[in-house]
C-alpha cells in the first residue's frame, strides 16, 4: 500500500503503533540480564544497571530533541529510523557481550538503543491522535500499554533464549547471552519495521465515521480545547500550561518510580511478607501498569483529561497515607497495584492531554519535550526515597514526604484547570469583540 492515509485502516494503524511499543517496551525486562552478565562476564551489578539508566536517560533526551524530526519526516520514516537504531543497539549489545567490552555495551545498548527507544516511543503517537479524534485517550493508551506490557513478552522469551543457546554445564554462557541479543535485536527490528511501514497521517479532510464532515468538525478534530490555540512546539513551550503539565508528569512519575524501586522492601517491612511472596506480588505490577494505561486513557475520553489527572493525585494521596496505617500483605499489595495504575495512566493520558491543550499541529514534538519530565523523574524519585531512608531509616517517613509532594501535584492540577478556564474566557471575550 502507498503512504497516502486515504487507503489506510485506522485500527491497523493502531496495531502498527502497538508493534513498535511492544518491541521497545522490552527495555522493562532488562533485569533478566543482570545475573547472567554479572556471573559470566564479571561485570559489576552497578555497571550493568548503569547501561539501563543510560538508555532511559537517552530515551528522554531523544524524545525531546527529535520530536521535530518526527513532525518533519512523518511517522513512517521516523518509525523505520527507530527500528534501525533499536535493532542495531540490541545487536550491538550482543557484539559487546561477545567481545567482553562493557564500554561498547554502554554505547550500543545505552546510547544507540536509547535513541531508538526515544524515537520509537514518540513516532506513532501524533499519528494516532489524528486518526482517532473521537477516541484520543483510548488510541494512545493502546500504544503506551504496549510499552508497559513489553516486558511480559521479552522477559520469558529472553530468558528462554539465553538458556537455549548456552551450551555446556554452565546455566548461562557468553555465547548464549550474545546470541540472545542478536535474535532479539533482529526480532525487534522486524516488528518495528512492519509496524512503521503501515503508519501514515490521514488526509487533511478525513474524519472517522460518525463525525460530521463539516469544516467546523474538521477543525475541532485537530484543535485544542475550545478557547485554546492550536500551537507549534516552540509556541507551546512559552505557555504556563506547558510547564504545569510538565510538573504534573514529573511528580506523578517520581511517585510511581519510587514505588517501583521499593515495592518489595515495602511489602516485607510494612506488610511482613517473605522475600518470595514479595517477589511474587511485584511480578504482577507490570499487569496493573499496562492495564492502568488503557483503563485510565479510555476513561479520560469521557470524564476529561484534567479530571483524570486530578483523580490520579487524589487516589495516590489517600493510598500513600494509608500504606503505613494498614496491615496485611494483600491489603498493601492492592494499594500498590492501585497506585501503579495511576503511574501507567499518567503516561497513557499525556499525548491526548497535550493535544487537548495545544492541538495536534506539532503534538509529537511537544510530547517529546514533555517526556524530559520522565527522564528527570526516573532519577529524582528513587534518589529522594533513598536519601530519606538513609537519613531516617523509615519507609513510613518516605511515604509521608512523597505524599506532601503529591499534594503539590494536586494543587498544580487545580491551578491548571483554573488557567484553562481563564484562557478560554479571554478567547471568547476577544472573539465577541
Protein backbone atom coordinates (compact mmCIF):
# COMPACT_ATOMS: atom_id res chain seq x y z
CA UNK A 1 0.00 0.00 0.00
CA UNK A 2 1.09 3.55 -0.55
CA UNK A 3 1.79 6.11 2.13
CA UNK A 4 -1.36 8.06 1.41
CA UNK A 5 -3.52 7.93 4.52
CA UNK A 6 -6.72 7.72 2.49
CA UNK A 7 -6.39 3.98 1.93
CA UNK A 8 -5.42 3.09 5.50
CA UNK A 9 -7.44 1.32 8.17
CA UNK A 10 -7.09 3.28 11.41
CA UNK A 11 -7.26 0.13 13.54
CA UNK A 12 -4.30 -1.31 11.62
CA UNK A 13 -2.50 1.98 12.26
CA UNK A 14 -3.09 1.29 15.96
CA UNK A 15 -1.76 -2.28 15.55
CA UNK A 16 1.38 -0.88 13.92
CA UNK A 17 1.87 1.52 16.81
CA UNK A 18 1.43 -1.31 19.34
CA UNK A 19 4.02 -3.43 17.46
CA UNK A 20 6.56 -0.63 17.84
CA UNK A 21 5.80 -0.05 21.51
CA UNK A 22 5.77 -3.76 22.40
CA UNK A 23 9.26 -4.02 20.94
CA UNK A 24 10.80 -1.05 22.71
CA UNK A 25 8.88 -1.98 25.89
CA UNK A 26 11.26 -4.94 26.17
CA UNK A 27 13.55 -2.48 27.99
CA UNK A 28 11.44 -3.09 31.11
CA UNK A 29 12.62 -6.73 31.10
CA UNK A 30 16.25 -5.63 31.45
CA UNK A 31 16.59 -7.25 34.87
CA UNK A 32 16.81 -10.70 33.21
CA UNK A 33 20.34 -9.79 32.06
CA UNK A 34 21.60 -8.69 35.48
CA UNK A 35 22.68 -12.06 36.91
CA UNK A 36 23.92 -13.60 33.62
CA UNK A 37 26.13 -10.59 32.80
CA UNK A 38 27.41 -10.46 36.38
CA UNK A 39 28.19 -14.17 36.67
CA UNK A 40 29.50 -14.85 33.16
CA UNK A 41 31.38 -11.62 32.35
CA UNK A 42 32.09 -10.45 35.87
CA UNK A 43 30.51 -7.04 35.26
CA UNK A 44 29.51 -5.32 38.49
CA UNK A 45 25.78 -5.11 39.16
CA UNK A 46 26.07 -1.32 39.32
CA UNK A 47 27.75 -1.30 35.88
CA UNK A 48 25.02 -3.45 34.35
CA UNK A 49 22.39 -1.17 35.90
CA UNK A 50 24.18 1.87 34.51
CA UNK A 51 23.54 0.67 30.94
CA UNK A 52 19.79 0.67 31.69
CA UNK A 53 19.97 4.14 33.24
CA UNK A 54 21.85 5.45 30.19
CA UNK A 55 19.18 4.00 27.88
CA UNK A 56 16.31 5.63 29.82
CA UNK A 57 18.12 8.98 30.00
CA UNK A 58 18.90 8.91 26.27
CA UNK A 59 15.25 7.93 25.63
CA UNK A 60 14.07 11.12 27.30
CA UNK A 61 16.60 13.37 25.59
CA UNK A 62 15.99 11.80 22.17
CA UNK A 63 12.23 12.22 22.54
CA UNK A 64 12.79 15.87 23.40
CA UNK A 65 15.18 16.75 20.59
CA UNK A 66 13.89 14.53 17.77
CA UNK A 67 10.22 15.42 18.11
CA UNK A 68 10.72 17.98 15.34
CA UNK A 69 12.29 15.22 13.20
CA UNK A 70 9.05 13.20 13.52
CA UNK A 71 6.99 16.24 12.54
CA UNK A 72 9.21 16.95 9.50
CA UNK A 73 9.65 13.43 8.08
CA UNK A 74 6.44 11.76 9.25
CA UNK A 75 5.70 8.64 11.29
CA UNK A 76 6.77 6.06 8.70
CA UNK A 77 10.33 7.31 8.19
CA UNK A 78 10.69 8.09 11.89
CA UNK A 79 9.44 4.63 12.86
CA UNK A 80 11.81 2.94 10.40
CA UNK A 81 14.72 5.03 11.74
CA UNK A 82 13.74 3.94 15.26
CA UNK A 83 13.68 0.29 14.12
CA UNK A 84 17.21 0.61 12.72
CA UNK A 85 18.57 2.37 15.82
CA UNK A 86 16.95 0.00 18.31
CA UNK A 87 17.79 -3.12 16.29
CA UNK A 88 21.43 -2.04 15.83
CA UNK A 89 21.64 -1.11 19.51
CA UNK A 90 20.46 -4.52 20.72
CA UNK A 91 22.51 -6.47 18.15
CA UNK A 92 25.49 -4.27 19.02
CA UNK A 93 24.96 -5.19 22.67
CA UNK A 94 25.42 -8.81 21.58
CA UNK A 95 28.74 -7.89 19.97
CA UNK A 96 29.75 -6.13 23.20
CA UNK A 97 28.94 -9.27 25.21
CA UNK A 98 30.77 -11.48 22.68
CA UNK A 99 33.91 -9.33 22.97
CA UNK A 100 33.50 -8.68 26.71
CA UNK A 101 33.53 -4.89 26.26
CA UNK A 102 31.50 -3.08 28.92
CA UNK A 103 32.02 0.34 27.31
CA UNK A 104 30.81 -0.95 23.96
CA UNK A 105 27.75 -2.26 25.82
CA UNK A 106 27.13 1.23 27.22
CA UNK A 107 27.47 2.72 23.72
CA UNK A 108 25.28 0.18 21.93
CA UNK A 109 22.57 -0.80 24.39
CA UNK A 110 22.59 2.50 26.27
CA UNK A 111 23.19 5.20 23.67
CA UNK A 112 22.18 3.74 20.27
CA UNK A 113 19.41 1.59 21.73
CA UNK A 114 18.24 4.51 23.88
CA UNK A 115 17.95 6.70 20.77
CA UNK A 116 15.81 4.01 19.16
CA UNK A 117 13.67 3.90 22.30
CA UNK A 118 13.03 7.63 22.32
CA UNK A 119 12.32 7.93 18.61
CA UNK A 120 10.17 4.78 18.61
CA UNK A 121 8.17 5.99 21.60
CA UNK A 122 7.03 9.26 20.00
CA UNK A 123 6.88 8.28 16.30
CA UNK A 124 3.33 6.82 16.19
CA UNK A 125 1.68 8.99 18.85
CA UNK A 126 0.83 12.12 16.86
CA UNK A 127 -0.48 9.99 14.01
CA UNK A 128 -2.76 8.04 16.34
CA UNK A 129 -4.20 11.28 17.69
CA UNK A 130 -5.11 12.37 14.16
CA UNK A 131 -6.66 9.01 13.26
CA UNK A 132 -8.71 8.88 16.48
CA UNK A 133 -10.00 12.43 17.12
CA UNK A 134 -13.08 10.79 18.67
CA UNK A 135 -11.08 8.49 20.99
CA UNK A 136 -7.74 10.16 21.58
CA UNK A 137 -7.20 8.73 25.04
CA UNK A 138 -8.06 5.16 24.10
CA UNK A 139 -5.89 5.18 20.96
CA UNK A 140 -2.72 6.46 22.59
CA UNK A 141 -3.47 4.30 25.64
CA UNK A 142 -3.34 1.20 23.45
CA UNK A 143 0.13 2.05 22.15
CA UNK A 144 1.55 3.09 25.50
CA UNK A 145 0.02 -0.02 27.09
CA UNK A 146 2.16 -1.95 24.61
CA UNK A 147 5.24 -0.24 26.01
CA UNK A 148 4.22 -1.11 29.56
CA UNK A 149 3.43 -4.71 28.63
CA UNK A 150 6.59 -5.27 26.54
CA UNK A 151 8.36 -6.88 29.48
CA UNK A 152 5.67 -9.58 29.68
CA UNK A 153 6.86 -10.86 26.28
CA UNK A 154 10.59 -10.16 26.41
CA UNK A 155 11.17 -11.45 29.94
CA UNK A 156 10.20 -15.13 29.37
CA UNK A 157 11.44 -15.13 25.75
CA UNK A 158 14.80 -13.58 26.56
CA UNK A 159 15.45 -15.92 29.48
CA UNK A 160 14.42 -18.98 27.44
CA UNK A 161 16.76 -17.92 24.62
CA UNK A 162 19.72 -17.44 26.98
CA UNK A 163 19.18 -20.92 28.41
CA UNK A 164 18.65 -22.46 24.96
CA UNK A 165 21.76 -21.00 23.35
CA UNK A 166 24.03 -21.60 26.37
CA UNK A 167 25.93 -24.85 25.90
CA UNK A 168 27.96 -26.83 28.40
CA UNK A 169 27.49 -27.34 32.12
CA UNK A 170 27.01 -23.64 32.96
CA UNK A 171 23.46 -22.28 33.13
CA UNK A 172 24.45 -19.21 31.08
CA UNK A 173 27.38 -18.77 28.71
CA UNK A 174 28.90 -15.76 26.99
CA UNK A 175 27.90 -17.06 23.58
CA UNK A 176 24.37 -17.82 24.74
CA UNK A 177 23.83 -14.31 26.09
CA UNK A 178 25.30 -12.71 22.95
CA UNK A 179 23.17 -14.84 20.64
CA UNK A 180 20.07 -13.86 22.62
CA UNK A 181 20.80 -10.20 21.94
CA UNK A 182 21.31 -10.98 18.23
CA UNK A 183 17.96 -12.79 18.00
CA UNK A 184 16.03 -10.20 19.99
CA UNK A 185 17.61 -7.32 18.06
CA UNK A 186 16.59 -8.88 14.75
CA UNK A 187 13.08 -9.65 16.07
CA UNK A 188 12.61 -6.10 17.35
CA UNK A 189 13.78 -4.67 14.03
CA UNK A 190 11.33 -6.78 12.02
CA UNK A 191 8.35 -5.99 14.29
CA UNK A 192 9.11 -2.28 14.40
CA UNK A 193 9.76 -2.06 10.66
CA UNK A 194 6.48 -3.86 9.89
CA UNK A 195 4.59 -1.59 12.28
CA UNK A 196 6.22 1.57 10.93
CA UNK A 197 5.69 0.63 7.28
CA UNK A 198 1.91 0.97 7.65
CA UNK A 199 1.98 4.28 9.53
CA UNK A 200 0.72 7.36 7.70
CA UNK A 201 -1.16 10.51 8.60
CA UNK A 202 -4.80 10.77 7.45
CA UNK A 203 -5.66 13.13 4.61
CA UNK A 204 -6.46 16.71 5.60
CA UNK A 205 -10.23 16.34 5.21
CA UNK A 206 -10.52 12.85 6.74
CA UNK A 207 -12.87 12.24 9.64
CA UNK A 208 -13.95 8.93 11.22
CA UNK A 209 -17.40 7.57 10.51
CA UNK A 210 -19.90 9.19 12.82
CA UNK A 211 -18.24 12.62 12.88
CA UNK A 212 -19.87 15.24 10.69
CA UNK A 213 -17.82 16.12 7.62
CA UNK A 214 -18.01 19.87 8.03
CA UNK A 215 -15.28 22.49 8.19
CA UNK A 216 -16.12 23.07 11.86
CA UNK A 217 -15.86 19.36 12.66
CA UNK A 218 -12.54 19.05 10.82
CA UNK A 219 -11.11 21.99 12.74
CA UNK A 220 -12.37 20.55 16.02
CA UNK A 221 -10.73 17.21 15.26
CA UNK A 222 -7.30 18.83 15.02
CA UNK A 223 -7.60 21.68 17.51
CA UNK A 224 -7.20 22.02 21.24
CA UNK A 225 -9.88 22.55 23.91
CA UNK A 226 -12.31 25.28 22.88
CA UNK A 227 -10.70 28.64 23.58
CA UNK A 228 -7.13 27.33 23.48
CA UNK A 229 -4.91 27.91 20.45
CA UNK A 230 -3.51 25.24 18.13
CA UNK A 231 0.20 25.83 18.80
CA UNK A 232 3.59 24.80 17.44
CA UNK A 233 6.10 23.18 19.79
CA UNK A 234 8.07 26.43 20.11
CA UNK A 235 4.89 28.34 20.97
CA UNK A 236 3.72 25.67 23.43
CA UNK A 237 6.99 25.89 25.40
CA UNK A 238 6.31 29.56 26.07
CA UNK A 239 2.97 28.95 27.79
CA UNK A 240 2.47 28.46 31.56
CA UNK A 241 0.24 25.45 30.93
CA UNK A 242 3.12 23.53 29.33
CA UNK A 243 5.22 23.89 32.48
CA UNK A 244 2.27 22.98 34.68
CA UNK A 245 1.66 19.73 32.77
CA UNK A 246 5.43 19.09 32.87
CA UNK A 247 5.41 19.42 36.66
CA UNK A 248 2.29 17.23 36.94
CA UNK A 249 4.02 14.46 34.97
CA UNK A 250 7.26 14.87 36.93
CA UNK A 251 5.50 14.44 40.27
CA UNK A 252 3.29 11.56 39.13
CA UNK A 253 6.22 9.66 37.62
CA UNK A 254 8.50 10.34 40.61
CA UNK A 255 5.96 8.80 42.99
CA UNK A 256 5.36 5.79 40.74
CA UNK A 257 9.03 5.06 40.05
CA UNK A 258 9.84 5.38 43.75
CA UNK A 259 7.22 2.73 44.43
CA UNK A 260 8.50 0.51 41.62
CA UNK A 261 12.01 0.71 43.05
CA UNK A 262 10.96 -0.09 46.63
CA UNK A 263 7.82 -2.23 46.25
CA UNK A 264 9.47 -5.42 47.50
CA UNK A 265 11.08 -3.94 50.66
CA UNK A 266 7.86 -2.04 51.46
CA UNK A 267 5.91 -5.30 51.30
CA UNK A 268 8.47 -7.01 53.54
CA UNK A 269 8.95 -4.15 56.01
CA UNK A 270 5.39 -2.84 56.35
CA UNK A 271 3.45 -5.97 55.43
CA UNK A 272 5.70 -8.65 56.88
CA UNK A 273 5.86 -10.53 53.57
CA UNK A 274 8.59 -13.04 52.91
CA UNK A 275 11.07 -12.28 50.12
CA UNK A 276 9.41 -14.97 47.97
CA UNK A 277 5.91 -13.58 48.49
CA UNK A 278 7.11 -10.02 47.83
CA UNK A 279 8.76 -11.14 44.59
CA UNK A 280 5.56 -12.93 43.55
CA UNK A 281 3.45 -9.81 44.19
CA UNK A 282 5.84 -7.39 42.48
CA UNK A 283 5.72 -9.64 39.42
CA UNK A 284 2.09 -8.61 38.95
CA UNK A 285 2.89 -4.90 38.99
CA UNK A 286 3.52 -4.94 35.22
CA UNK A 287 -0.04 -6.14 34.61
CA UNK A 288 -1.51 -3.21 36.56
CA UNK A 289 0.97 -0.81 34.96
CA UNK A 290 -0.19 -1.86 31.49
CA UNK A 291 -3.86 -2.26 32.46
CA UNK A 292 -3.94 1.17 34.07
CA UNK A 293 -2.73 2.72 30.83
CA UNK A 294 -5.67 1.53 28.74
CA UNK A 295 -8.26 1.87 31.55
CA UNK A 296 -7.47 5.46 32.53
CA UNK A 297 -6.80 6.71 28.99
CA UNK A 298 -10.13 5.29 27.77
CA UNK A 299 -11.96 6.74 30.78
CA UNK A 300 -10.35 10.14 30.16
CA UNK A 301 -12.19 10.36 26.84
CA UNK A 302 -15.43 10.59 28.84
CA UNK A 303 -14.51 12.48 32.02
CA UNK A 304 -11.79 14.75 30.60
CA UNK A 305 -8.03 14.68 31.00
CA UNK A 306 -7.77 17.35 33.72
CA UNK A 307 -10.30 15.49 35.85
CA UNK A 308 -8.37 12.25 35.25
CA UNK A 309 -5.07 13.73 36.44
CA UNK A 310 -6.87 15.19 39.44
CA UNK A 311 -8.15 11.68 40.20
CA UNK A 312 -4.59 10.30 39.98
CA UNK A 313 -3.41 12.63 42.71
CA UNK A 314 -6.44 12.22 44.98
CA UNK A 315 -6.15 8.42 44.78
CA UNK A 316 -2.40 8.45 45.38
CA UNK A 317 -2.62 10.90 48.28
CA UNK A 318 -5.10 8.60 50.01
CA UNK A 319 -3.11 5.47 49.12
CA UNK A 320 0.28 6.79 50.27
CA UNK A 321 -1.33 7.97 53.51
CA UNK A 322 -2.93 4.55 54.05
CA UNK A 323 0.15 2.43 53.36
CA UNK A 324 1.82 2.95 56.77
CA UNK A 325 -1.55 2.57 58.55
CA UNK A 326 -2.80 -0.72 57.11
CA UNK A 327 -1.73 -4.24 57.96
CA UNK A 328 -1.84 -7.38 55.89
CA UNK A 329 0.31 -8.21 52.90
CA UNK A 330 -2.51 -8.32 50.36
CA UNK A 331 -4.12 -5.07 51.51
CA UNK A 332 -0.77 -3.36 50.97
CA UNK A 333 -0.36 -5.19 47.65
CA UNK A 334 -3.77 -3.99 46.39
CA UNK A 335 -2.89 -0.45 47.45
CA UNK A 336 0.37 -0.68 45.50
CA UNK A 337 -1.47 -2.00 42.43
CA UNK A 338 -3.92 0.93 42.53
CA UNK A 339 -1.04 3.43 42.74
CA UNK A 340 0.72 1.78 39.80
CA UNK A 341 -2.39 2.11 37.62
CA UNK A 342 -2.13 5.88 38.18
CA UNK A 343 1.55 5.78 37.22
CA UNK A 344 0.80 3.97 33.96
CA UNK A 345 -2.30 6.05 33.33
CA UNK A 346 -0.28 9.25 33.60
CA UNK A 347 1.87 8.16 30.63
CA UNK A 348 -1.09 6.99 28.58
CA UNK A 349 -3.18 10.14 29.03
CA UNK A 350 -0.28 12.53 28.34
CA UNK A 351 -0.35 12.61 24.49
CA UNK A 352 -4.12 13.13 24.40
CA UNK A 353 -3.88 15.80 27.10
CA UNK A 354 -1.20 17.64 25.15
CA UNK A 355 -3.43 17.58 22.06
CA UNK A 356 -6.26 18.95 24.23
CA UNK A 357 -4.05 21.79 25.45
CA UNK A 358 -2.10 22.59 22.27
CA UNK A 359 -3.84 20.84 19.34
CA UNK A 360 -2.33 18.18 17.06
CA UNK A 361 -0.31 20.61 14.91
CA UNK A 362 3.07 19.55 16.37
CA UNK A 363 2.00 17.25 19.18
CA UNK A 364 4.85 14.76 18.59
CA UNK A 365 7.43 17.46 19.25
CA UNK A 366 5.52 18.80 22.27
CA UNK A 367 5.20 15.25 23.60
CA UNK A 368 8.95 14.83 23.26
CA UNK A 369 9.65 17.95 25.30
CA UNK A 370 7.19 16.84 27.98
CA UNK A 371 8.90 13.45 28.29
CA UNK A 372 12.01 15.14 29.72
CA UNK A 373 9.96 15.09 32.94
CA UNK A 374 10.12 11.27 32.77
CA UNK A 375 13.90 11.23 32.38
CA UNK A 376 14.44 13.52 35.37
CA UNK A 377 11.78 11.81 37.50
CA UNK A 378 13.50 8.47 36.88
CA UNK A 379 16.46 9.86 38.79
CA UNK A 380 14.61 12.07 41.29
CA UNK A 381 12.06 9.54 42.61
CA UNK A 382 14.40 6.74 43.73
CA UNK A 383 17.08 9.26 44.81
CA UNK A 384 14.68 11.19 47.05
CA UNK A 385 13.43 7.94 48.58
CA UNK A 386 16.97 6.64 49.22
CA UNK A 387 18.05 9.95 50.84
CA UNK A 388 15.02 9.89 53.14
CA UNK A 389 15.60 6.23 54.01
CA UNK A 390 19.27 6.75 54.78
CA UNK A 391 18.58 9.77 56.97
CA UNK A 392 15.51 8.43 58.80
CA UNK A 393 15.72 4.66 58.38
CA UNK A 394 11.96 4.60 57.89
CA UNK A 395 9.78 3.77 54.88
CA UNK A 396 6.89 5.43 56.69
CA UNK A 397 8.64 8.82 56.67
CA UNK A 398 9.48 8.44 52.98
CA UNK A 399 5.84 7.68 52.14
CA UNK A 400 4.59 10.72 54.06
CA UNK A 401 7.10 13.05 52.38
CA UNK A 402 6.18 11.74 48.93
CA UNK A 403 2.56 12.39 49.92
CA UNK A 404 3.34 16.06 50.52
CA UNK A 405 4.79 16.24 47.00
CA UNK A 406 1.61 14.62 45.64
CA UNK A 407 -0.47 17.32 47.35
CA UNK A 408 1.61 19.88 45.44
CA UNK A 409 0.76 17.97 42.25
CA UNK A 410 -2.96 18.14 43.01
CA UNK A 411 -2.69 21.90 43.58
CA UNK A 412 -0.97 22.28 40.19
CA UNK A 413 -3.81 20.33 38.52
CA UNK A 414 -6.38 22.65 40.12
CA UNK A 415 -4.41 25.73 39.04
CA UNK A 416 -4.17 24.31 35.51
CA UNK A 417 -7.94 23.75 35.42
CA UNK A 418 -8.47 27.36 36.52
CA UNK A 419 -5.91 28.58 33.98
CA UNK A 420 -7.61 26.71 31.11
CA UNK A 421 -10.92 28.32 32.08
CA UNK A 422 -9.34 31.78 32.24
CA UNK A 423 -7.70 31.46 28.83
CA UNK A 424 -10.95 30.13 27.35
CA UNK A 425 -12.93 33.08 28.75
CA UNK A 426 -10.38 35.59 27.42
CA UNK A 427 -10.54 33.98 23.99
CA UNK A 428 -14.36 34.04 23.98
CA UNK A 429 -14.38 37.72 25.02
CA UNK A 430 -11.87 38.62 22.31
CA UNK A 431 -13.93 36.78 19.69
CA UNK A 432 -17.11 38.58 20.78
CA UNK A 433 -15.41 41.96 20.50
